[in-house]
Amino acid sequence: MSIREMKEYVTLCLEGTGTFVQRHHMLTVKRQQLCKQIEELQRSIDYIDEQQRTYEEVMNGTRPYISPFDAIHK
């Protein structure tokens, strides 16, 4: 949570049990945001993993190197 979100959450906590619904909602929204970030990060990791596999295959001679930029220079 950002500092602003934490302050808002603590303020609600200090107001007592009547703010359970608001606090629950805040946590639900934050969880959804974090899940989205995790998905985006996982896509980035998957891309890097694929690139690394490609380089490893090229370096060990099991795959020819074909530059994606060759078509641009022709």
N, C-alpha and C. Protein backbone atom coordinates (compact mmCIF):
# COMPACT_ATOMS: atom_id res chain seq x y z
N MET A 1 0.84 -1.19 0.00
CA MET A 1 0.00 0.00 0.00
C MET A 1 0.88 1.25 0.00
N SER A 2 0.41 2.26 -0.64
CA SER A 2 1.09 3.54 -0.58
C SER A 2 0.90 4.13 0.83
N ILE A 3 1.68 5.14 1.13
CA ILE A 3 1.55 5.79 2.44
C ILE A 3 0.16 6.37 2.60
N ARG A 4 -0.37 6.97 1.53
CA ARG A 4 -1.72 7.54 1.59
C ARG A 4 -2.74 6.45 1.89
N GLU A 5 -2.61 5.30 1.22
CA GLU A 5 -3.54 4.19 1.45
C GLU A 5 -3.41 3.65 2.87
N MET A 6 -2.20 3.56 3.36
CA MET A 6 -2.00 3.07 4.73
C MET A 6 -2.62 4.02 5.74
N LYS A 7 -2.46 5.33 5.52
CA LYS A 7 -3.06 6.30 6.43
C LYS A 7 -4.58 6.17 6.42
N GLU A 8 -5.14 6.03 5.24
CA GLU A 8 -6.60 5.87 5.12
C GLU A 8 -7.05 4.61 5.83
N TYR A 9 -6.30 3.52 5.66
CA TYR A 9 -6.65 2.25 6.28
C TYR A 9 -6.58 2.37 7.81
N VAL A 10 -5.51 2.97 8.31
CA VAL A 10 -5.36 3.13 9.77
C VAL A 10 -6.47 4.02 10.32
N THR A 11 -6.79 5.07 9.60
CA THR A 11 -7.88 5.95 10.04
C THR A 11 -9.18 5.15 10.17
N LEU A 12 -9.45 4.34 9.18
CA LEU A 12 -10.66 3.49 9.24
C LEU A 12 -10.59 2.52 10.41
N CYS A 13 -9.42 1.94 10.65
CA CYS A 13 -9.27 1.02 11.78
C CYS A 13 -9.57 1.72 13.10
N LEU A 14 -9.08 2.93 13.21
CA LEU A 14 -9.29 3.69 14.45
C LEU A 14 -10.76 4.08 14.65
N GLU A 15 -11.51 4.12 13.56
CA GLU A 15 -12.93 4.45 13.66
C GLU A 15 -13.75 3.28 14.17
N GLY A 16 -13.17 2.09 14.16
CA GLY A 16 -13.85 0.95 14.76
C GLY A 16 -14.48 -0.02 13.77
N THR A 17 -15.30 -0.89 14.34
CA THR A 17 -15.87 -1.99 13.56
C THR A 17 -16.86 -1.54 12.49
N GLY A 18 -17.33 -0.33 12.59
CA GLY A 18 -18.27 0.18 11.60
C GLY A 18 -17.63 0.40 10.23
N THR A 19 -16.32 0.27 10.16
CA THR A 19 -15.64 0.49 8.88
C THR A 19 -15.15 -0.81 8.25
N PHE A 20 -15.62 -1.94 8.75
CA PHE A 20 -15.21 -3.24 8.20
C PHE A 20 -15.46 -3.32 6.70
N VAL A 21 -16.61 -2.84 6.27
CA VAL A 21 -16.96 -2.94 4.84
C VAL A 21 -15.95 -2.14 4.00
N GLN A 22 -15.66 -0.92 4.42
CA GLN A 22 -14.71 -0.09 3.68
C GLN A 22 -13.31 -0.72 3.67
N ARG A 23 -12.87 -1.23 4.81
CA ARG A 23 -11.55 -1.85 4.90
C ARG A 23 -11.48 -3.10 4.03
N HIS A 24 -12.53 -3.89 4.08
CA HIS A 24 -12.59 -5.10 3.26
C HIS A 24 -12.50 -4.72 1.78
N HIS A 25 -13.22 -3.69 1.40
CA HIS A 25 -13.20 -3.23 0.01
C HIS A 25 -11.80 -2.75 -0.38
N MET A 26 -11.17 -1.97 0.49
CA MET A 26 -9.81 -1.49 0.21
C MET A 26 -8.86 -2.65 -0.04
N LEU A 27 -8.93 -3.66 0.81
CA LEU A 27 -8.05 -4.81 0.66
C LEU A 27 -8.37 -5.60 -0.61
N THR A 28 -9.65 -5.70 -0.95
CA THR A 28 -10.04 -6.39 -2.17
C THR A 28 -9.46 -5.70 -3.40
N VAL A 29 -9.60 -4.39 -3.44
CA VAL A 29 -9.08 -3.61 -4.57
C VAL A 29 -7.56 -3.73 -4.65
N LYS A 30 -6.89 -3.60 -3.50
CA LYS A 30 -5.43 -3.69 -3.49
C LYS A 30 -4.98 -5.08 -3.96
N ARG A 31 -5.68 -6.12 -3.54
CA ARG A 31 -5.32 -7.47 -3.96
C ARG A 31 -5.46 -7.62 -5.47
N GLN A 32 -6.54 -7.09 -6.03
CA GLN A 32 -6.74 -7.16 -7.47
C GLN A 32 -5.62 -6.43 -8.21
N GLN A 33 -5.22 -5.27 -7.70
CA GLN A 33 -4.13 -4.52 -8.32
C GLN A 33 -2.82 -5.31 -8.27
N LEU A 34 -2.56 -5.92 -7.15
CA LEU A 34 -1.33 -6.71 -7.01
C LEU A 34 -1.33 -7.93 -7.92
N CYS A 35 -2.48 -8.58 -8.05
CA CYS A 35 -2.58 -9.74 -8.94
C CYS A 35 -2.30 -9.33 -10.39
N LYS A 36 -2.80 -8.17 -10.78
CA LYS A 36 -2.55 -7.67 -12.13
C LYS A 36 -1.06 -7.40 -12.33
N GLN A 37 -0.43 -6.80 -11.33
CA GLN A 37 1.01 -6.54 -11.43
C GLN A 37 1.80 -7.84 -11.53
N ILE A 38 1.40 -8.83 -10.75
CA ILE A 38 2.07 -10.13 -10.80
C ILE A 38 1.95 -10.73 -12.20
N GLU A 39 0.78 -10.66 -12.80
CA GLU A 39 0.58 -11.18 -14.15
C GLU A 39 1.48 -10.47 -15.15
N GLU A 40 1.57 -9.15 -15.04
CA GLU A 40 2.43 -8.38 -15.94
C GLU A 40 3.90 -8.75 -15.75
N LEU A 41 4.31 -8.89 -14.51
CA LEU A 41 5.69 -9.29 -14.24
C LEU A 41 5.98 -10.70 -14.76
N GLN A 42 5.01 -11.60 -14.62
CA GLN A 42 5.20 -12.96 -15.10
C GLN A 42 5.36 -12.99 -16.61
N ARG A 43 4.59 -12.15 -17.31
CA ARG A 43 4.75 -12.08 -18.78
C ARG A 43 6.15 -11.59 -19.14
N SER A 44 6.66 -10.64 -18.39
CA SER A 44 8.01 -10.15 -18.65
C SER A 44 9.05 -11.23 -18.37
N ILE A 45 8.88 -11.96 -17.29
CA ILE A 45 9.80 -13.05 -16.96
C ILE A 45 9.74 -14.13 -18.04
N ASP A 46 8.54 -14.46 -18.50
CA ASP A 46 8.39 -15.48 -19.55
C ASP A 46 9.12 -15.06 -20.82
N TYR A 47 9.03 -13.78 -21.18
CA TYR A 47 9.72 -13.27 -22.36
C TYR A 47 11.23 -13.41 -22.19
N ILE A 48 11.73 -13.01 -21.03
CA ILE A 48 13.17 -13.10 -20.77
C ILE A 48 13.62 -14.55 -20.81
N ASP A 49 12.85 -15.46 -20.22
CA ASP A 49 13.19 -16.88 -20.24
C ASP A 49 13.30 -17.39 -21.67
N GLU A 50 12.36 -17.00 -22.52
CA GLU A 50 12.37 -17.44 -23.92
C GLU A 50 13.60 -16.89 -24.64
N GLN A 51 13.91 -15.63 -24.40
CA GLN A 51 15.09 -15.03 -25.02
C GLN A 51 16.36 -15.75 -24.56
N GLN A 52 16.45 -16.06 -23.28
CA GLN A 52 17.62 -16.75 -22.77
C GLN A 52 17.75 -18.15 -23.39
N ARG A 53 16.64 -18.85 -23.53
CA ARG A 53 16.68 -20.18 -24.18
C ARG A 53 17.21 -20.05 -25.60
N THR A 54 16.73 -19.04 -26.31
CA THR A 54 17.18 -18.82 -27.68
C THR A 54 18.69 -18.60 -27.72
N TYR A 55 19.20 -17.72 -26.86
CA TYR A 55 20.63 -17.44 -26.84
C TYR A 55 21.43 -18.69 -26.47
N GLU A 56 20.94 -19.46 -25.50
CA GLU A 56 21.63 -20.69 -25.11
C GLU A 56 21.70 -21.68 -26.27
N GLU A 57 20.59 -21.81 -27.00
CA GLU A 57 20.57 -22.72 -28.15
C GLU A 57 21.53 -22.25 -29.25
N VAL A 58 21.58 -20.95 -29.48
CA VAL A 58 22.50 -20.41 -30.48
C VAL A 58 23.94 -20.65 -30.02
N MET A 59 24.22 -20.39 -28.76
CA MET A 59 25.59 -20.54 -28.25
C MET A 59 26.06 -21.99 -28.26
N ASN A 60 25.12 -22.94 -28.02
CA ASN A 60 25.56 -24.34 -28.02
C ASN A 60 25.40 -25.01 -29.38
N GLY A 61 25.01 -24.23 -30.39
CA GLY A 61 24.98 -24.72 -31.76
C GLY A 61 23.76 -25.52 -32.15
N THR A 62 22.73 -25.54 -31.34
CA THR A 62 21.52 -26.30 -31.67
C THR A 62 20.48 -25.47 -32.40
N ARG A 63 20.80 -24.21 -32.60
CA ARG A 63 19.86 -23.33 -33.30
C ARG A 63 20.66 -22.28 -34.05
N PRO A 64 20.32 -22.03 -35.30
CA PRO A 64 21.03 -20.98 -36.03
C PRO A 64 20.58 -19.61 -35.54
N TYR A 65 21.50 -18.66 -35.64
CA TYR A 65 21.14 -17.30 -35.24
C TYR A 65 20.54 -16.57 -36.42
N ILE A 66 19.34 -16.08 -36.24
CA ILE A 66 18.66 -15.27 -37.24
C ILE A 66 18.27 -13.98 -36.55
N SER A 67 18.89 -12.89 -36.98
CA SER A 67 18.63 -11.61 -36.34
C SER A 67 17.26 -11.09 -36.79
N PRO A 68 16.46 -10.61 -35.86
CA PRO A 68 15.17 -10.02 -36.23
C PRO A 68 15.34 -8.71 -36.98
N PHE A 69 16.56 -8.19 -36.97
CA PHE A 69 16.82 -6.92 -37.61
C PHE A 69 17.33 -7.06 -39.04
N ASP A 70 17.62 -8.30 -39.47
CA ASP A 70 18.11 -8.52 -40.84
C ASP A 70 17.13 -7.99 -41.88
N ALA A 71 15.86 -8.22 -41.66
CA ALA A 71 14.84 -7.79 -42.63
C ALA A 71 14.78 -6.26 -42.74
N ILE A 72 15.11 -5.58 -41.66
CA ILE A 72 15.06 -4.12 -41.64
C ILE A 72 16.18 -3.54 -42.51
N HIS A 73 17.35 -4.19 -42.47
CA HIS A 73 18.51 -3.66 -43.19
C HIS A 73 18.55 -4.04 -44.66
N LYS A 74 17.64 -4.87 -45.10
CA LYS A 74 17.65 -5.30 -46.51
C LYS A 74 16.81 -4.40 -47.36
